[in-house]
């Protein structure tokens, strides 16, 4: 791709947002991709950086320099998708443990997004970015469970507003090492990137406030099954919080969890319940699923171990 041009805004294009104007100029590029180029300073107005919401004026000069910056291509793949709920606006899918939610810089195939693009014939919201269409929230590779997927940008923003207002309830099963002293408690800390290990998150003073509620629902010798509710949704939040209070998740070796001789993927963590308002009918939805195979195998092992 070679797109390096200057455009002087005519009267008929004044009043348009710059990202909308550029979508008309470059119909082969997605709006989210062009917004990213604006944010990165590859598109200027009158030699100055602007926001994607900038309203163009007559005689503005828009300079586009995205030479050799190709838009990444994510290919649809015919991978089975476990649909738990679907309407014209959204999907609720069950992501298995071991699958990435969306492509990364090093893995472009085999992800939930590849599967969703095939299932929906690429009819997904692209407001979240061209590398994660439809994804409203994500799960770690080795965390299984329920995810909401938006089919269009309006549904995406409708759901994102609920996320920001903390009105979407996300509940998890977690099997942890040791038995918490309190049968029910709330953990409140600030979480951010680990200062020396970039692959990890950590409780740090300059992080973002993170709130996790948990309740012990069963115990097995020196292990416990928890029902966990997230009030915020930070990266690795449950894993960091449980490790922080001295009860890391079973098999979560990154955060100090004890490995058990069970044939399963890593952390014993499953997103089993979602409650939200659907943009389809403005009605409350509650989607729930039972224990996944890894949780069942781990519980069975612990029940048989003394």
Protein backbone atom coordinates (compact mmCIF):
# COMPACT_ATOMS: atom_id res chain seq x y z
CA UNK A 1 0.00 0.00 0.00
CA UNK A 2 1.31 3.42 -0.98
CA UNK A 3 -0.83 6.28 0.24
CA UNK A 4 1.01 9.58 0.49
CA UNK A 5 -1.04 12.58 -0.57
CA UNK A 6 -2.20 16.05 0.40
CA UNK A 7 -5.88 17.00 0.16
CA UNK A 8 -7.31 20.51 0.34
CA UNK A 9 -10.81 20.43 1.77
CA UNK A 10 -13.50 21.82 -0.52
CA UNK A 11 -16.67 23.47 0.75
CA UNK A 12 -18.80 20.34 0.17
CA UNK A 13 -16.57 18.28 2.49
CA UNK A 14 -16.40 20.85 5.28
CA UNK A 15 -18.27 19.77 8.39
CA UNK A 16 -17.23 16.13 8.07
CA UNK A 17 -15.20 14.32 10.72
CA UNK A 18 -11.74 13.64 9.39
CA UNK A 19 -12.08 9.87 9.85
CA UNK A 20 -15.36 9.87 7.89
CA UNK A 21 -13.78 11.95 5.12
CA UNK A 22 -10.84 9.55 4.86
CA UNK A 23 -13.17 6.53 4.69
CA UNK A 24 -14.65 8.11 1.57
CA UNK A 25 -11.18 8.69 0.11
CA UNK A 26 -9.87 5.22 1.00
CA UNK A 27 -12.79 2.75 0.89
CA UNK A 28 -10.31 -0.16 1.02
CA UNK A 29 -9.26 0.81 4.57
CA UNK A 30 -11.37 0.40 7.70
CA UNK A 31 -12.35 3.39 9.79
CA UNK A 32 -10.61 1.97 12.87
CA UNK A 33 -7.37 1.56 10.90
CA UNK A 34 -7.52 5.16 9.70
CA UNK A 35 -8.25 6.31 13.26
CA UNK A 36 -5.13 4.49 14.37
CA UNK A 37 -3.08 6.26 11.69
CA UNK A 38 -4.46 9.63 12.84
CA UNK A 39 -3.56 8.81 16.44
CA UNK A 40 -0.03 7.78 15.43
CA UNK A 41 0.55 11.08 13.60
CA UNK A 42 0.61 9.64 10.10
CA UNK A 43 -2.29 11.89 9.10
CA UNK A 44 -2.07 15.63 9.83
CA UNK A 45 -4.30 18.65 9.32
CA UNK A 46 -2.50 21.90 8.53
CA UNK A 47 0.74 20.20 9.66
CA UNK A 48 -0.69 19.49 13.12
CA UNK A 49 -1.90 16.37 14.92
CA UNK A 50 -5.66 16.15 15.37
CA UNK A 51 -8.16 13.72 16.85
CA UNK A 52 -10.34 11.43 14.75
CA UNK A 53 -13.32 13.57 15.74
CA UNK A 54 -11.80 16.73 14.22
CA UNK A 55 -14.36 18.58 12.06
CA UNK A 56 -12.89 19.62 8.74
CA UNK A 57 -13.09 23.23 7.51
CA UNK A 58 -12.89 24.65 4.01
CA UNK A 59 -9.25 24.98 2.85
CA UNK A 60 -7.87 22.67 5.56
CA UNK A 61 -4.93 20.69 4.20
CA UNK A 62 -4.97 17.01 5.12
CA UNK A 63 -1.60 15.30 4.74
CA UNK A 64 -1.72 11.49 4.51
CA UNK A 65 1.52 9.53 4.87
CA UNK A 66 0.83 5.84 5.40
CA UNK A 67 3.30 4.65 2.80
CA UNK A 68 4.18 0.95 3.30
CA UNK A 69 1.99 0.70 6.39
CA UNK A 70 -0.30 -2.14 5.37
CA UNK A 71 -3.50 -2.95 7.17
CA UNK A 72 -3.15 -6.33 8.82
CA UNK A 73 -5.29 -9.06 7.30
CA UNK A 74 -7.16 -11.48 9.53
CA UNK A 75 -8.55 -14.41 7.60
CA UNK A 76 -11.81 -16.20 8.41
CA UNK A 77 -11.28 -19.83 9.40
CA UNK A 78 -13.81 -22.64 9.56
CA UNK A 79 -13.28 -23.41 13.24
CA UNK A 80 -16.26 -24.63 15.31
CA UNK A 81 -17.81 -21.91 17.49
CA UNK A 82 -19.88 -22.78 20.56
CA UNK A 83 -22.77 -20.29 20.39
CA UNK A 84 -24.58 -19.84 23.72
CA UNK A 85 -26.85 -16.98 22.62
CA UNK A 86 -27.42 -15.05 19.40
CA UNK A 87 -29.63 -12.26 18.09
CA UNK A 88 -29.28 -9.75 15.26
CA UNK A 89 -26.91 -7.53 17.28
CA UNK A 90 -24.70 -9.80 19.38
CA UNK A 91 -23.38 -13.27 20.09
CA UNK A 92 -22.42 -14.90 23.35
CA UNK A 93 -19.81 -17.56 22.62
CA UNK A 94 -17.95 -20.08 24.73
CA UNK A 95 -14.17 -19.81 24.26
CA UNK A 96 -12.33 -23.02 25.05
CA UNK A 97 -9.20 -23.04 27.16
CA UNK A 98 -6.09 -22.95 24.99
CA UNK A 99 -7.53 -20.61 22.32
CA UNK A 100 -6.52 -16.97 21.92
CA UNK A 101 -9.40 -14.51 21.90
CA UNK A 102 -7.91 -12.48 19.03
CA UNK A 103 -4.75 -12.50 16.87
CA UNK A 104 -1.48 -11.07 18.16
CA UNK A 105 1.63 -9.81 16.42
CA UNK A 106 2.98 -13.37 16.33
CA UNK A 107 -0.21 -15.48 16.00
CA UNK A 108 -2.64 -14.61 13.23
CA UNK A 109 -4.66 -17.80 12.94
CA UNK A 110 -6.57 -20.29 15.05
CA UNK A 111 -8.08 -17.60 17.29
CA UNK A 112 -11.69 -17.01 18.27
CA UNK A 113 -11.77 -13.96 15.98
CA UNK A 114 -10.74 -16.09 12.97
CA UNK A 115 -13.60 -18.44 13.79
CA UNK A 116 -16.10 -15.60 14.31
CA UNK A 117 -15.22 -13.96 11.00
CA UNK A 118 -16.09 -17.22 9.24
CA UNK A 119 -19.26 -17.82 11.25
CA UNK A 120 -20.65 -14.29 10.69
CA UNK A 121 -19.33 -13.84 7.14
CA UNK A 122 -17.18 -10.99 8.54
CA UNK A 123 -20.24 -9.13 9.86
CA UNK A 124 -18.66 -7.95 13.10
CA UNK A 125 -18.09 -4.61 14.82
CA UNK A 126 -14.78 -3.09 13.82
CA UNK A 127 -14.89 -0.22 16.31
CA UNK A 128 -12.65 -2.20 18.67
CA UNK A 129 -9.90 -2.34 16.03
CA UNK A 130 -9.15 -4.29 12.88
CA UNK A 131 -7.22 -6.91 14.82
CA UNK A 132 -10.08 -7.72 17.23
CA UNK A 133 -13.41 -7.27 15.40
CA UNK A 134 -16.47 -7.84 17.55
CA UNK A 135 -14.51 -8.31 20.77
CA UNK A 136 -16.10 -6.38 23.65
CA UNK A 137 -13.97 -8.03 26.35
CA UNK A 138 -11.41 -10.82 26.29
CA UNK A 139 -10.26 -13.90 28.17
CA UNK A 140 -6.70 -15.15 28.58
CA UNK A 141 -5.68 -18.01 26.32
CA UNK A 142 -5.93 -20.60 29.10
CA UNK A 143 -9.11 -19.23 30.66
CA UNK A 144 -12.26 -20.77 29.24
CA UNK A 145 -15.71 -19.28 29.25
CA UNK A 146 -18.32 -16.85 28.02
CA UNK A 147 -17.62 -13.81 25.87
CA UNK A 148 -19.96 -11.20 24.37
CA UNK A 149 -19.33 -10.39 20.70
CA UNK A 150 -20.80 -7.36 18.91
CA UNK A 151 -21.98 -7.73 15.31
CA UNK A 152 -21.94 -3.99 14.57
CA UNK A 153 -20.41 -0.81 15.95
CA UNK A 154 -23.67 0.40 17.52
CA UNK A 155 -23.96 -2.81 19.55
CA UNK A 156 -20.26 -2.55 20.48
CA UNK A 157 -20.63 0.94 21.94
CA UNK A 158 -23.90 -0.03 23.68
CA UNK A 159 -22.10 -2.89 25.45
CA UNK A 160 -18.94 -0.87 26.10
CA UNK A 161 -21.01 1.73 27.94
CA UNK A 162 -22.30 -1.03 30.21
CA UNK A 163 -18.73 -2.18 30.80
CA UNK A 164 -17.69 1.37 31.71
CA UNK A 165 -20.68 1.71 34.05
CA UNK A 166 -19.88 -1.71 35.59
CA UNK A 167 -23.37 -3.02 34.91
CA UNK A 168 -22.24 -6.17 33.10
CA UNK A 169 -21.83 -8.92 35.68
CA UNK A 170 -19.04 -11.43 34.99
CA UNK A 171 -18.71 -14.45 37.25
CA UNK A 172 -15.97 -17.10 37.33
CA UNK A 173 -15.15 -20.42 38.89
CA UNK A 174 -11.60 -20.58 40.26
CA UNK A 175 -9.81 -23.37 42.10
CA UNK A 176 -7.13 -21.93 44.36
CA UNK A 177 -4.28 -23.23 46.48
CA UNK A 178 -5.07 -23.15 50.18
CA UNK A 179 -8.35 -22.19 51.82
CA UNK A 180 -8.98 -18.45 52.29
CA UNK A 181 -9.46 -17.39 55.91
CA UNK A 182 -12.60 -15.46 54.98
CA UNK A 183 -15.37 -17.50 53.37
CA UNK A 184 -16.45 -14.38 51.50
CA UNK A 185 -14.46 -11.21 50.85
CA UNK A 186 -13.63 -8.35 48.49
CA UNK A 187 -10.13 -7.57 47.23
CA UNK A 188 -9.41 -3.95 46.27
CA UNK A 189 -5.97 -2.98 44.95
CA UNK A 190 -4.36 -1.10 42.08
CA UNK A 191 -3.12 -3.34 39.24
CA UNK A 192 -0.65 -2.48 36.49
CA UNK A 193 2.13 -3.95 34.39
CA UNK A 194 4.83 -5.72 36.43
CA UNK A 195 7.86 -3.39 36.73
CA UNK A 196 10.43 -6.00 35.61
CA UNK A 197 8.42 -8.82 33.99
CA UNK A 198 6.34 -7.42 31.10
CA UNK A 199 4.43 -10.69 30.62
CA UNK A 200 2.91 -10.26 34.10
CA UNK A 201 0.59 -7.85 35.85
CA UNK A 202 1.09 -6.89 39.50
CA UNK A 203 -0.34 -4.98 42.43
CA UNK A 204 1.42 -1.61 42.15
CA UNK A 205 0.84 1.83 43.61
CA UNK A 206 0.34 3.59 40.26
CA UNK A 207 -1.93 0.99 38.69
CA UNK A 208 -5.68 1.10 38.03
CA UNK A 209 -8.19 0.36 40.77
CA UNK A 210 -9.26 -3.29 40.62
CA UNK A 211 -12.10 -4.88 42.57
CA UNK A 212 -12.72 -8.62 42.91
CA UNK A 213 -15.40 -10.30 45.05
CA UNK A 214 -15.10 -13.98 45.95
CA UNK A 215 -17.00 -16.61 47.88
CA UNK A 216 -15.79 -20.08 48.90
CA UNK A 217 -18.28 -22.67 47.62
CA UNK A 218 -16.34 -25.89 48.31
CA UNK A 219 -13.06 -27.11 49.81
CA UNK A 220 -10.83 -30.11 49.08
CA UNK A 221 -8.10 -30.79 51.63
CA UNK A 222 -5.91 -27.71 51.14
CA UNK A 223 -7.63 -26.31 48.05
CA UNK A 224 -10.82 -24.29 47.53
CA UNK A 225 -13.37 -23.75 44.78
CA UNK A 226 -14.38 -20.10 44.57
CA UNK A 227 -17.23 -18.22 42.96
CA UNK A 228 -15.61 -14.96 41.79
CA UNK A 229 -17.35 -11.80 40.59
CA UNK A 230 -15.43 -9.06 38.81
CA UNK A 231 -16.40 -5.47 39.45
CA UNK A 232 -13.58 -4.23 37.22
CA UNK A 233 -11.92 -6.01 34.31
CA UNK A 234 -8.15 -5.59 34.39
CA UNK A 235 -5.79 -7.90 32.56
CA UNK A 236 -5.12 -11.05 34.67
CA UNK A 237 -7.15 -9.46 37.50
CA UNK A 238 -8.38 -12.63 39.22
CA UNK A 239 -5.01 -14.34 38.83
CA UNK A 240 -3.16 -11.34 40.30
CA UNK A 241 -5.61 -10.82 43.16
CA UNK A 242 -5.70 -14.45 44.25
CA UNK A 243 -1.90 -14.61 44.18
CA UNK A 244 -1.75 -11.33 46.10
CA UNK A 245 -3.77 -12.75 49.02
CA UNK A 246 -1.68 -15.92 49.09
CA UNK A 247 -4.10 -18.20 47.23
CA UNK A 248 -2.91 -18.46 43.62
CA UNK A 249 -5.03 -20.35 41.13
CA UNK A 250 -4.21 -24.04 40.67
CA UNK A 251 -1.84 -24.66 37.73
CA UNK A 252 -1.29 -20.91 37.24
CA UNK A 253 2.49 -21.18 37.20
CA UNK A 254 2.95 -17.56 36.08
CA UNK A 255 1.50 -16.34 39.39
CA UNK A 256 2.76 -19.05 41.72
CA UNK A 257 -0.03 -21.59 41.50
CA UNK A 258 0.78 -25.21 42.34
CA UNK A 259 0.82 -27.58 39.38
CA UNK A 260 -1.31 -30.69 39.78
CA UNK A 261 -0.87 -33.94 37.82
CA UNK A 262 -4.09 -33.33 35.89
CA UNK A 263 -4.24 -33.46 32.09
CA UNK A 264 -5.60 -29.97 31.53
CA UNK A 265 -4.65 -26.54 30.24
CA UNK A 266 -3.07 -24.11 32.67
CA UNK A 267 -5.03 -22.04 35.22
CA UNK A 268 -8.18 -23.60 36.73
CA UNK A 269 -10.31 -20.59 35.89
CA UNK A 270 -13.60 -20.42 33.97
CA UNK A 271 -15.93 -17.54 33.08
CA UNK A 272 -19.26 -19.26 33.65
CA UNK A 273 -21.85 -16.47 33.89
CA UNK A 274 -22.66 -13.20 32.10
CA UNK A 275 -25.50 -10.78 32.84
CA UNK A 276 -26.05 -7.77 30.58
CA UNK A 277 -28.65 -5.77 28.68
CA UNK A 278 -28.88 -6.72 25.00
CA UNK A 279 -28.99 -3.93 22.40
CA UNK A 280 -31.46 -6.10 20.45
CA UNK A 281 -34.42 -5.59 22.79
CA UNK A 282 -33.02 -3.63 25.75
CA UNK A 283 -33.80 -6.64 27.93
CA UNK A 284 -31.62 -8.17 30.66
CA UNK A 285 -29.92 -11.40 29.57
CA UNK A 286 -28.32 -13.98 31.85
CA UNK A 287 -26.18 -16.62 30.16
CA UNK A 288 -24.71 -19.37 32.33
CA UNK A 289 -22.84 -22.62 31.77
CA UNK A 290 -21.67 -25.50 33.96
CA UNK A 291 -18.16 -26.63 34.88
CA UNK A 292 -15.84 -27.14 31.91
CA UNK A 293 -13.81 -30.35 31.51
CA UNK A 294 -10.65 -28.91 33.09
CA UNK A 295 -12.52 -27.77 36.21
CA UNK A 296 -14.27 -31.16 36.46
CA UNK A 297 -11.00 -33.09 36.11
CA UNK A 298 -9.29 -30.91 38.71
CA UNK A 299 -12.16 -31.25 41.20
CA UNK A 300 -12.28 -35.04 40.68
CA UNK A 301 -8.53 -35.28 41.30
CA UNK A 302 -8.73 -33.19 44.48
CA UNK A 303 -11.68 -35.19 45.81
CA UNK A 304 -9.71 -38.40 45.38
CA UNK A 305 -6.56 -37.00 46.99
CA UNK A 306 -6.06 -37.03 50.74
